Protein backbone atom coordinates (compact mmCIF):
# COMPACT_ATOMS: atom_id res chain seq x y z
CA LEU A 1 24.98 13.51 31.77
CA ARG A 2 21.68 13.71 29.60
CA HIS A 3 22.39 14.07 26.01
CA ARG A 4 19.78 15.22 23.24
CA ILE A 5 20.79 14.10 19.81
CA VAL A 6 19.67 17.06 17.56
CA ASP A 7 20.62 15.89 14.05
CA LYS A 8 21.12 12.62 12.56
CA MET A 9 22.69 11.37 9.25
CA ALA A 10 22.25 7.90 7.85
CA VAL A 11 24.47 5.28 6.23
CA LEU A 12 23.79 1.80 5.06
CA LEU A 13 26.23 -1.04 5.62
CA GLU A 14 25.41 -4.13 3.48
CA THR A 15 26.98 -7.28 4.99
CA THR A 16 26.97 -11.04 4.18
CA LEU A 17 24.30 -11.64 6.70
CA GLY A 18 22.11 -8.73 6.11
CA ASP A 19 21.78 -4.69 6.24
CA LEU A 20 22.44 -2.45 9.01
CA VAL A 21 21.13 1.37 8.85
CA VAL A 22 23.33 3.62 11.15
CA ASP A 23 22.38 7.09 12.21
CA LEU A 24 25.42 9.59 12.90
CA TYR A 25 25.75 12.02 15.57
CA THR A 26 27.12 14.74 13.23
CA GLU A 27 26.62 17.69 15.55
CA GLU A 28 28.18 16.29 18.49
CA ARG A 29 31.00 14.15 16.75
CA PRO A 30 31.67 16.14 13.45
CA ARG A 31 35.31 14.98 13.13
CA ALA A 32 34.45 11.36 13.59
CA CYS A 33 31.33 11.45 11.55
CA LEU A 34 33.43 13.21 8.74
CA ASN A 35 36.08 10.44 8.74
CA PHE A 36 33.42 7.74 8.72
CA LEU A 37 31.42 9.39 5.97
CA LYS A 38 34.15 10.08 3.50
CA LEU A 39 35.96 6.60 4.14
CA CYS A 40 32.35 5.12 3.13
CA LYS A 41 32.12 7.43 0.17
CA ILE A 42 35.55 6.11 -1.27
CA LYS A 43 34.59 2.60 -0.56
CA TYR A 44 37.26 1.95 1.92
CA TYR A 45 35.03 -0.52 4.28
CA ASN A 46 33.99 -2.63 1.20
CA TYR A 47 34.98 -6.40 1.80
CA CYS A 48 36.26 -5.30 5.35
CA LEU A 49 36.17 -8.48 7.52
CA ILE A 50 34.19 -8.35 10.89
CA HIS A 51 37.49 -9.72 12.67
CA ASN A 52 36.38 -9.88 16.32
CA VAL A 53 33.03 -10.85 17.68
CA GLN A 54 32.52 -11.17 21.39
CA ARG A 55 29.15 -12.34 22.40
CA ASP A 56 26.89 -9.95 24.21
CA PHE A 57 29.82 -7.40 24.27
CA ILE A 58 30.87 -6.05 20.75
CA MET A 59 31.60 -6.70 17.07
CA GLN A 60 34.82 -5.04 15.56
CA THR A 61 35.54 -4.17 12.02
CA GLY A 62 37.03 -1.57 9.70
CA ASP A 63 40.55 -2.76 9.01
CA PRO A 64 41.03 -3.80 5.42
CA THR A 65 43.94 -6.01 6.60
CA GLY A 66 41.37 -8.14 8.74
CA SER A 67 44.30 -8.53 11.35
CA GLY A 68 42.90 -5.90 13.87
CA ARG A 69 46.16 -3.78 13.61
CA GLY A 70 45.73 -1.94 10.38
CA GLY A 71 43.63 0.96 8.84
CA GLU A 72 43.80 4.65 8.73
CA SER A 73 41.69 7.79 8.67
CA ILE A 74 40.63 9.65 5.95
CA PHE A 75 43.14 12.45 6.57
CA CYS A 76 45.86 10.18 5.90
CA LYS A 77 44.55 10.00 2.31
CA LEU A 78 44.56 13.60 2.18
CA TYR A 79 47.93 14.81 4.35
CA GLY A 80 50.08 11.72 4.25
CA ASP A 81 51.10 9.31 7.00
CA GLN A 82 51.59 12.08 9.67
CA ALA A 83 47.87 12.15 9.68
CA ARG A 84 47.13 8.34 9.78
CA TYR A 85 45.07 9.00 13.13
CA PHE A 86 43.04 11.67 14.62
CA GLU A 87 42.47 13.03 18.14
CA ALA A 88 39.44 11.70 20.10
CA GLU A 89 36.59 13.87 20.72
CA ASN A 90 35.31 13.30 24.38
CA VAL A 91 32.73 16.49 24.75
CA PRO A 92 29.99 16.29 25.02
CA ARG A 93 29.96 12.60 26.85
CA ILE A 94 27.93 9.98 25.11
CA LYS A 95 27.81 6.75 27.02
CA HIS A 96 27.61 2.99 25.67
CA LYS A 97 24.23 2.36 27.09
CA LYS A 98 22.21 0.33 24.59
CA LYS A 99 22.73 -2.46 21.96
CA GLY A 100 23.98 -1.12 18.50
CA THR A 101 25.98 1.97 19.73
CA ILE A 102 28.83 2.64 17.44
CA SER A 103 32.17 3.82 18.41
CA MET A 104 35.62 4.62 16.91
CA VAL A 105 37.99 2.32 18.25
CA ASN A 106 40.91 3.61 20.42
CA ASN A 107 44.36 2.98 19.21
CA GLY A 108 45.98 3.26 22.68
CA ASN A 109 46.84 6.83 22.27
CA ASP A 110 43.36 8.31 22.43
CA GLN A 111 43.47 8.38 18.60
CA HIS A 112 41.23 6.84 16.09
CA GLY A 113 41.81 5.80 12.42
CA SER A 114 39.28 3.67 10.50
CA GLN A 115 38.41 0.80 12.84
CA PHE A 116 34.97 1.17 14.60
CA LEU A 117 32.97 -1.20 16.87
CA ILE A 118 29.23 -1.95 17.64
CA THR A 119 27.84 -2.94 20.78
CA VAL A 120 25.84 -6.05 21.46
CA GLY A 121 25.39 -5.62 24.98
CA GLU A 122 23.99 -3.01 27.22
CA ASN A 123 25.34 -0.64 29.90
CA LEU A 124 28.90 -1.10 28.89
CA ASP A 125 30.38 1.40 31.26
CA TYR A 126 34.07 0.61 31.07
CA LEU A 127 33.98 1.39 27.37
CA ASN A 128 33.06 5.05 28.14
CA GLY A 129 35.85 7.56 27.88
CA VAL A 130 37.93 5.43 26.00
CA HIS A 131 36.11 4.56 22.63
CA THR A 132 34.24 7.78 21.09
CA VAL A 133 30.67 7.19 20.56
CA PHE A 134 29.48 8.65 17.24
CA GLY A 135 26.26 6.92 16.12
CA GLU A 136 23.69 3.88 16.62
CA VAL A 137 22.25 1.29 14.57
CA THR A 138 18.47 2.10 14.13
CA GLU A 139 17.63 -0.74 11.80
CA GLY A 140 18.80 -4.34 11.31
CA MET A 141 18.96 -5.35 14.90
CA ASP A 142 18.31 -8.86 13.95
CA VAL A 143 21.19 -9.03 11.61
CA LEU A 144 23.35 -7.48 14.51
CA MET A 145 22.21 -10.48 16.66
CA LYS A 146 23.10 -12.96 13.92
CA ILE A 147 26.66 -11.70 13.89
CA ASN A 148 26.74 -11.80 17.78
CA GLU A 149 25.91 -15.57 17.54
CA ALA A 150 28.67 -16.49 15.11
CA PHE A 151 31.11 -19.09 16.08
CA VAL A 152 34.48 -17.98 16.75
CA ASP A 153 37.89 -19.12 17.79
CA LYS A 154 39.82 -18.58 20.71
CA GLU A 155 40.78 -14.99 19.40
CA PHE A 156 37.22 -14.13 18.81
CA CYS A 157 37.50 -14.41 15.14
CA PRO A 158 34.49 -15.95 13.22
CA TYR A 159 35.13 -19.34 11.83
CA GLN A 160 33.11 -18.40 8.68
CA ASP A 161 33.96 -14.75 7.10
CA ILE A 162 31.33 -12.23 7.72
CA ARG A 163 32.14 -9.00 5.71
CA ILE A 164 31.06 -5.45 4.78
CA THR A 165 30.24 -5.93 0.98
CA HIS A 166 28.89 -2.44 0.45
CA THR A 167 28.45 0.86 1.83
CA VAL A 168 25.71 3.60 0.75
CA ILE A 169 25.58 7.15 2.00
CA LEU A 170 21.91 8.26 2.52
CA GLU A 171 22.80 11.67 3.40
CA ASP A 172 26.24 13.78 3.77
CA PRO A 173 26.07 17.18 5.20
CA PHE A 174 30.10 17.59 4.68
CA ASP A 175 31.59 18.89 1.74
CA ASP A 176 34.12 16.74 0.02
CA PRO A 177 38.07 17.88 0.53
CA GLN A 178 39.50 18.95 -2.78
CA ASP A 179 42.04 16.28 -3.11
CA LEU A 180 39.69 13.29 -2.14
CA GLN A 181 39.56 10.73 -5.21
CA ILE A 182 35.96 9.26 -5.18
CA PRO A 183 35.70 6.04 -7.21
CA ASP A 184 32.98 5.86 -9.97
CA ARG A 185 31.93 2.41 -8.88
CA SER A 186 32.68 -0.09 -6.13
CA PRO A 187 36.07 -1.66 -6.78
CA GLU A 188 36.55 -5.47 -7.07
CA PRO A 189 37.95 -7.24 -3.93
CA THR A 190 41.70 -8.49 -4.16
CA LYS A 191 42.80 -11.96 -3.74
CA GLU A 192 44.57 -10.85 -0.51
CA GLN A 193 41.48 -9.47 0.57
CA LEU A 194 39.40 -12.67 0.23
CA ASP A 195 42.01 -15.05 1.35
CA SER A 196 41.53 -15.14 4.99
CA GLY A 197 42.26 -18.81 5.44
CA ARG A 198 38.82 -19.58 6.64
CA ILE A 199 35.42 -20.53 5.64
CA GLY A 200 34.32 -18.13 2.63
CA ALA A 201 31.39 -16.05 3.29
CA ASP A 202 29.47 -17.43 0.25
CA GLU A 203 30.37 -21.13 1.22
CA GLU A 204 27.50 -23.34 2.27
CA ILE A 205 28.34 -25.61 5.37
CA ASP A 206 26.59 -28.70 4.46
CA ASP A 207 28.27 -31.95 5.16
CA SER A 208 25.49 -34.18 3.70
CA LYS A 209 25.90 -32.56 0.23
CA GLY A 210 26.99 -35.27 -2.62
CA LYS A 211 26.84 -38.28 -0.10
CA SER A 212 24.79 -41.32 0.10
CA THR A 213 22.42 -42.10 3.26
CA ALA A 214 24.84 -44.93 4.25
CA GLU A 215 27.85 -42.31 4.13
CA ILE A 216 25.90 -39.77 6.34
CA GLU A 217 24.97 -42.49 9.07
CA GLU A 218 28.63 -43.34 9.00
CA VAL A 219 29.64 -39.75 9.63
CA SER A 220 27.12 -39.42 12.36
CA ALA A 221 28.09 -42.47 13.98
CA GLU A 222 31.88 -41.48 14.08
CA LYS A 223 30.78 -38.14 15.45
CA GLU A 224 28.72 -39.73 18.19
CA ALA A 225 31.51 -42.22 18.95
CA SER A 226 33.78 -39.16 19.07
CA THR A 227 31.70 -37.42 21.56
CA ARG A 228 31.45 -40.39 23.96
CA ALA A 229 35.05 -40.80 23.76
CA ILE A 230 35.61 -37.24 24.88
CA LEU A 231 33.09 -37.71 27.75
CA LEU A 232 34.93 -41.10 28.93
CA GLU A 233 38.24 -39.04 28.97
CA MET A 234 36.60 -36.50 31.09
CA VAL A 235 35.31 -38.76 33.61
CA GLY A 236 38.56 -40.56 33.60
CA ASP A 237 37.66 -43.84 32.08
CA LEU A 238 39.89 -43.42 29.03
CA PRO A 239 43.54 -42.12 28.94
CA ASP A 240 43.08 -40.18 25.81
CA ALA A 241 40.04 -39.49 23.67
CA GLU A 242 42.05 -40.34 20.38
CA ILE A 243 43.34 -43.70 21.59
CA LYS A 244 42.39 -46.74 19.53
CA PRO A 245 41.94 -50.58 20.51
CA PRO A 246 44.70 -52.95 19.49
CA GLU A 247 43.92 -54.86 16.29
CA ASN A 248 45.36 -58.06 17.38
CA VAL A 249 43.32 -58.73 20.41
CA LEU A 250 40.07 -61.01 20.30
CA PHE A 251 37.18 -60.48 22.72
CA VAL A 252 35.59 -63.85 23.61
CA CYS A 253 32.22 -63.86 25.68
CA LYS A 254 29.61 -66.42 26.69
CA LEU A 255 32.11 -68.75 28.24
CA ASN A 256 31.30 -71.62 30.39
CA PRO A 257 32.71 -70.98 34.09
CA VAL A 258 34.70 -74.13 34.01
CA THR A 259 36.62 -73.24 31.00
CA THR A 260 40.31 -72.21 31.92
CA ASP A 261 42.88 -70.09 30.38
CA GLU A 262 45.13 -72.97 29.19
CA ASP A 263 42.04 -74.65 27.43
CA LEU A 264 41.29 -71.37 25.68
CA GLU A 265 44.91 -71.00 24.65
CA ILE A 266 45.05 -74.53 23.25
CA ILE A 267 41.99 -74.12 21.16
CA PHE A 268 42.91 -70.69 19.62
CA SER A 269 46.62 -71.41 19.18
CA ARG A 270 45.95 -73.45 16.01
CA PHE A 271 45.44 -69.96 14.37
CA GLY A 272 48.95 -68.66 15.38
CA SER A 273 51.06 -67.83 18.23
CA ILE A 274 49.48 -66.25 21.15
CA ARG A 275 50.99 -63.64 23.59
CA SER A 276 48.50 -63.72 26.07
CA CYS A 277 45.14 -65.50 26.91
CA GLU A 278 43.23 -64.24 29.99
CA ILE A 279 39.77 -64.96 31.28
CA ILE A 280 38.58 -62.07 33.30
CA ARG A 281 37.85 -62.85 36.90
CA ASP A 282 36.36 -61.33 39.73
CA TRP A 283 39.18 -59.66 41.61
CA LYS A 284 37.49 -60.45 44.86
CA THR A 285 36.33 -64.21 44.56
CA GLY A 286 38.43 -65.30 41.67
CA GLU A 287 35.44 -66.56 39.96
CA SER A 288 35.26 -66.38 35.99
CA LEU A 289 33.01 -63.50 34.48
CA CYS A 290 32.82 -65.69 31.38
CA TYR A 291 34.62 -63.54 29.01
CA ALA A 292 38.41 -63.43 28.07
CA PHE A 293 40.89 -61.47 25.88
CA ILE A 294 43.20 -63.28 23.70
CA GLU A 295 46.16 -61.44 22.02
CA PHE A 296 47.85 -62.74 19.09
CA GLU A 297 51.48 -62.01 17.70
CA LYS A 298 50.06 -61.14 14.26
CA GLN A 299 46.88 -59.29 13.26
CA GLU A 300 46.42 -62.02 10.25
CA ASP A 301 46.09 -64.80 12.83
CA CYS A 302 43.65 -62.71 14.91
CA GLU A 303 41.52 -62.30 11.77
CA LYS A 304 41.52 -65.92 10.87
CA ALA A 305 40.12 -66.83 14.48
CA TYR A 306 37.67 -64.02 14.21
CA PHE A 307 36.00 -65.73 11.10
CA LYS A 308 36.50 -69.31 12.30
CA MET A 309 35.63 -69.38 15.95
CA ASP A 310 32.37 -67.43 16.31
CA ASN A 311 29.63 -69.43 17.50
CA VAL A 312 31.92 -72.61 18.22
CA LEU A 313 30.90 -75.00 20.99
CA ILE A 314 33.54 -75.06 23.94
CA ASP A 315 32.52 -76.91 27.06
CA ASP A 316 28.72 -77.17 26.01
CA ARG A 317 28.57 -73.42 25.34
CA ARG A 318 28.42 -71.55 22.09
CA ILE A 319 30.85 -68.64 22.18
CA HIS A 320 30.74 -65.31 20.80
CA VAL A 321 33.80 -63.67 19.05
CA ASP A 322 34.55 -60.01 18.22
CA PHE A 323 37.54 -57.79 18.01
CA SER A 324 38.40 -56.06 21.13
CA GLN A 325 37.43 -52.46 21.97
CA SER A 326 39.15 -52.58 25.45
CA VAL A 327 42.30 -50.43 26.26
CA ALA A 328 42.66 -51.68 29.65
CA LYS A 329 46.49 -52.66 28.76
CA VAL A 330 47.15 -49.14 28.47
CA GLN A 331 49.22 -48.25 31.66
CA TRP A 332 47.30 -45.20 33.35
CA LYS A 333 45.87 -44.66 36.63
CA GLY A 334 41.96 -44.85 36.29
CA LYS A 335 39.22 -42.31 37.42
CA GLY A 336 40.67 -39.46 38.92
CA GLY A 337 44.30 -40.44 38.06
CA LYS A 338 45.01 -41.44 41.40
CA TYR A 339 44.55 -45.09 42.12
CA THR A 340 44.74 -48.50 40.25
CA LYS A 341 43.28 -51.89 40.88
CA GLU A 342 46.36 -52.98 42.46
CA ASP A 343 46.24 -50.16 44.71
CA PHE A 344 42.72 -51.34 46.20
CA LYS A 345 44.10 -54.95 46.33
CA GLU A 346 47.13 -53.93 48.39
CA TYR A 347 44.51 -51.60 50.48
CA GLU A 348 42.34 -54.67 51.23
CA LYS A 349 45.37 -56.93 52.23
CA ASN A 350 46.40 -54.10 54.82
CA LEU A 351 43.05 -53.50 56.18
CA GLY A 352 43.15 -56.59 58.41
CA LYS A 353 46.59 -55.65 59.85
CA SER A 354 45.30 -52.08 60.41
CA SER A 355 42.21 -53.25 62.31
CA SER A 356 44.52 -55.63 64.61
CA ILE A 357 46.76 -52.59 65.34
CA SER A 358 43.68 -50.66 66.08
CA LEU A 359 42.51 -53.03 68.71
CA LYS A 360 45.81 -53.46 70.46
CA ASP A 361 45.63 -49.68 70.62
CA LYS A 362 42.09 -50.04 72.15
CA ALA A 363 43.46 -52.55 74.79
CA GLN A 364 46.04 -50.16 75.90
CA PRO A 365 45.38 -48.16 79.10
CA LYS A 366 44.36 -44.53 78.50
CA GLN A 367 47.19 -42.28 79.18
CA ASP A 368 46.91 -38.75 80.61
CA SER A 369 45.63 -36.22 78.20
CA LYS A 370 48.52 -33.79 79.23
CA TYR A 371 51.56 -33.66 76.96
CA GLU A 372 54.55 -34.39 78.58
CA LEU A 373 57.90 -32.19 77.66
CA LEU A 374 60.65 -34.25 76.53
CA LEU A 375 64.06 -33.18 77.58
CA ASP A 376 67.84 -34.60 77.81
CA GLU A 377 68.72 -36.98 80.62
CA GLY A 378 70.72 -34.28 82.25
CA GLU A 379 68.34 -31.71 82.14
CA ALA A 380 65.51 -33.84 83.15
CA SER A 381 67.43 -35.06 86.25
CA ARG A 382 68.33 -31.45 87.22
CA SER A 383 64.68 -30.41 86.81
CA HIS A 384 63.52 -33.54 88.73
CA ARG A 385 65.78 -32.36 91.79
CA HIS A 386 64.51 -28.82 91.44
CA SER A 387 61.07 -29.84 91.39
CA LYS A 388 61.62 -31.86 94.59
CA LYS A 389 63.30 -29.29 96.52
CA HIS A 390 60.36 -26.86 95.43
CA HIS A 391 57.76 -29.24 96.65
CA LYS A 392 59.57 -29.65 100.03
CA GLU A 393 59.76 -26.08 100.56
CA LYS A 394 56.04 -25.57 99.84
CA ARG A 395 55.25 -28.60 102.23
CA HIS A 396 57.47 -26.71 105.01
CA ARG A 397 55.55 -23.53 104.42
CA ARG A 398 52.12 -25.30 104.50
CA HIS A 399 52.89 -27.09 107.61
CA SER A 400 53.93 -24.04 109.49
CA GLU A 401 50.82 -22.04 108.18
CA GLU A 402 48.11 -24.71 108.73
CA GLY A 403 49.23 -26.26 111.79
CA GLY A 404 46.37 -26.76 114.50
CA ASP A 405 43.87 -26.60 111.50
CA LYS A 406 45.41 -29.81 109.83
CA ARG A 407 45.17 -31.62 113.50
CA LYS A 408 41.58 -30.77 113.63
CA ALA A 409 40.81 -32.01 110.23
CA THR A 410 42.58 -35.26 110.79
CA LYS A 411 40.73 -35.91 113.96
CA ASN A 412 37.28 -35.29 112.24
CA LYS A 413 38.54 -37.28 109.31
CA GLU A 414 39.28 -40.34 111.61
CA ALA A 415 35.96 -39.86 113.47
CA ALA A 416 34.02 -39.83 110.06
CA GLU A 417 35.91 -43.04 108.89
CA SER A 418 35.35 -45.00 112.25
CA GLU A 419 31.59 -44.23 111.93
CA LEU A 420 31.35 -45.29 108.14
CA GLN A 421 33.21 -48.52 109.40
CA GLN A 422 30.60 -49.08 112.11
CA HIS A 423 27.74 -48.66 109.59
CA LYS A 424 29.46 -50.78 106.89
CA SER A 425 29.85 -53.72 109.56
CA THR A 426 26.41 -53.65 110.72
CA ASP A 427 25.06 -53.59 107.11
CA VAL A 428 27.24 -56.72 106.23
CA ILE A 429 25.76 -58.51 109.13
CA ASP A 430 22.18 -57.69 108.40
CA GLU A 431 23.02 -59.01 104.83
CA TYR A 432 24.48 -62.11 105.99
CA GLY A 433 21.34 -62.80 108.26
CA ARG A 434 18.93 -62.20 105.28
CA ASP A 435 21.13 -64.53 103.13
CA LYS A 436 21.09 -67.16 105.68
CA LYS A 437 17.23 -67.02 106.29
CA ARG A 438 16.63 -66.94 102.54
CA ASP A 439 18.80 -70.33 102.10
CA GLN A 440 17.07 -72.13 105.24
CA LYS A 441 13.71 -71.34 103.47
CA LYS A 442 14.74 -72.84 100.18
CA ARG A 443 16.08 -76.10 101.99
CA ASP A 444 12.76 -76.58 103.76
CA HIS A 445 10.81 -76.01 100.60
CA TYR A 446 12.96 -78.59 98.81
CA ARG A 447 12.37 -81.27 101.66
CA SER A 448 8.64 -80.91 101.70
CA ARG A 449 8.63 -81.35 97.97
CA SER A 450 10.79 -84.46 98.00
CA ARG A 451 8.42 -85.69 100.97
CA SER A 452 5.23 -85.30 99.06
CA GLY A 453 6.98 -86.67 95.90
CA SER A 454 7.88 -89.90 97.62
CA GLN A 455 4.26 -90.27 99.09
CA GLU A 456 2.53 -90.09 95.78
CA ARG A 457 5.05 -92.68 94.29
CA ASP A 458 4.12 -95.22 97.12
CA TYR A 459 0.47 -94.46 96.70
CA HIS A 460 0.81 -95.23 92.94
CA LYS A 461 2.80 -98.40 93.63
CA HIS A 462 0.19 -99.55 96.12
CA SER A 463 -2.93 -98.94 93.84
CA LYS A 464 -1.52 -100.61 90.87
CA SER A 465 -0.61 -103.81 92.94
CA LYS A 466 -4.29 -103.83 93.97
CA LYS A 467 -5.49 -103.34 90.48
CA LYS A 468 -3.29 -106.27 89.45
CA SER A 469 -4.50 -108.70 92.18
CA LYS A 470 -8.20 -107.89 91.35
CA TYR A 471 -7.75 -108.52 87.68
CA ARG A 472 -6.12 -111.96 88.35
CA GLU A 473 -9.22 -112.82 90.60
CA GLU A 474 -11.54 -111.80 88.00
CA THR A 475 -9.91 -113.85 85.44
CA GLU A 476 -9.67 -117.07 87.47
CA GLU A 477 -13.62 -116.54 88.05
CA ARG A 478 -14.21 -116.39 84.47
CA ARG A 479 -12.23 -119.49 83.51
CA SER A 480 -14.06 -121.53 86.39
CA ARG A 481 -17.30 -120.44 84.90
CA SER A 482 -16.64 -121.07 80.99
CA PRO A 483 -17.94 -124.54 79.81
CA LYS A 484 -15.22 -127.06 79.24
CA ARG A 485 -14.93 -128.82 75.90
CA PRO A 486 -15.78 -132.64 76.09
CA LYS A 487 -13.06 -135.09 75.66
CA ASN A 488 -14.45 -136.64 72.60
CA MET A 489 -14.38 -133.39 70.79
CA GLU A 490 -10.81 -133.14 71.46
């Protein structure tokens, strides 16, 4: 239904975040507009808390108690408690189509008091027919968006107070009722009105005010650490974001891999009694990871060791000592809250057993895929007898029916088998003959090679003996030709 607004009257609402100008549909919603205008005139809305802010949906106010359960109409001031609420006006129908639409809040019985809401979203059709639209915001949409972005608790109440500080009627077409008491000036707020238990509207939220640079840095570091702890809790690395590490445990790093738990305990025991001393090792190989945790009985002994043992030489390594930040001793199931390191160790131990079992299963012969019905022994024997009898009857019937066909089939089968056997025997004989010929050829080849090899060896021997004899002859001839030394020279 399209509706054209003919006449509008304006009201100025001053809030702690800025001003809003409201136009009223006085002709379409005369009773709701009269109620709103006269409540503004008697300063009923002054210091009312905006007690409900739902982002991109609505903001609600108009209850002097700030609880969302109070408020009364102007007719209650005139006629008493029986007129605390007035009936809703549904004709003509006006929808919650755009941001800044103002409606009287329904009390659950299609009646209205003093509370009203302003929409901060568009096309909120589920509000139509429940809450009576009687105006719209024409100026101050930026202020409305500021209210929309306020930080709220789980009940949608802003942490910092947002209030209507003053109302100004720009034009009022309705005459004032006779018994209506209009104040000369705006009344001062009561202590109960201002005491909401939250951050005051005029309070500045500045954590750094009156603090030195070092203090500001410390606060920011604490906030960052808290954020990290929450993230670690979310991923399952911490059991609780608020958990604190023990103050009697030292963290020792840069150790030599050869250093043992006993050596470290003896060295640190001069500062006091030690509950436990553990060098952290790889849980698969057992090798040292070069850091350890030492837990003392007393915090004082832990502090002494911290001041004395930092940068001390142990097994040709200068160690570093600090207070432990680990909470590993807390008993909780790590990431996902399902398995611990011990569970994984047990799993690895059983892994070999399960693999051998699976190999055995693979070695077993495959069974038929059909499932057998398990019965009692008596039932099984009865069913077996019954099945035998049934099969005999079947065989008898088939024998009588098939008769001659079966004999023919057996004769044909026998003929085919004999023919196949003959083929097989001839194939075997042929194959045997081929193998025999192949073996004979190999033997002949081997003999020929052995004969040629022996001839070559004889030839080489003969040539060598010839060369030797020739060499001897030549040497003897040389000796005979060479001049002999005279005897006097000798």
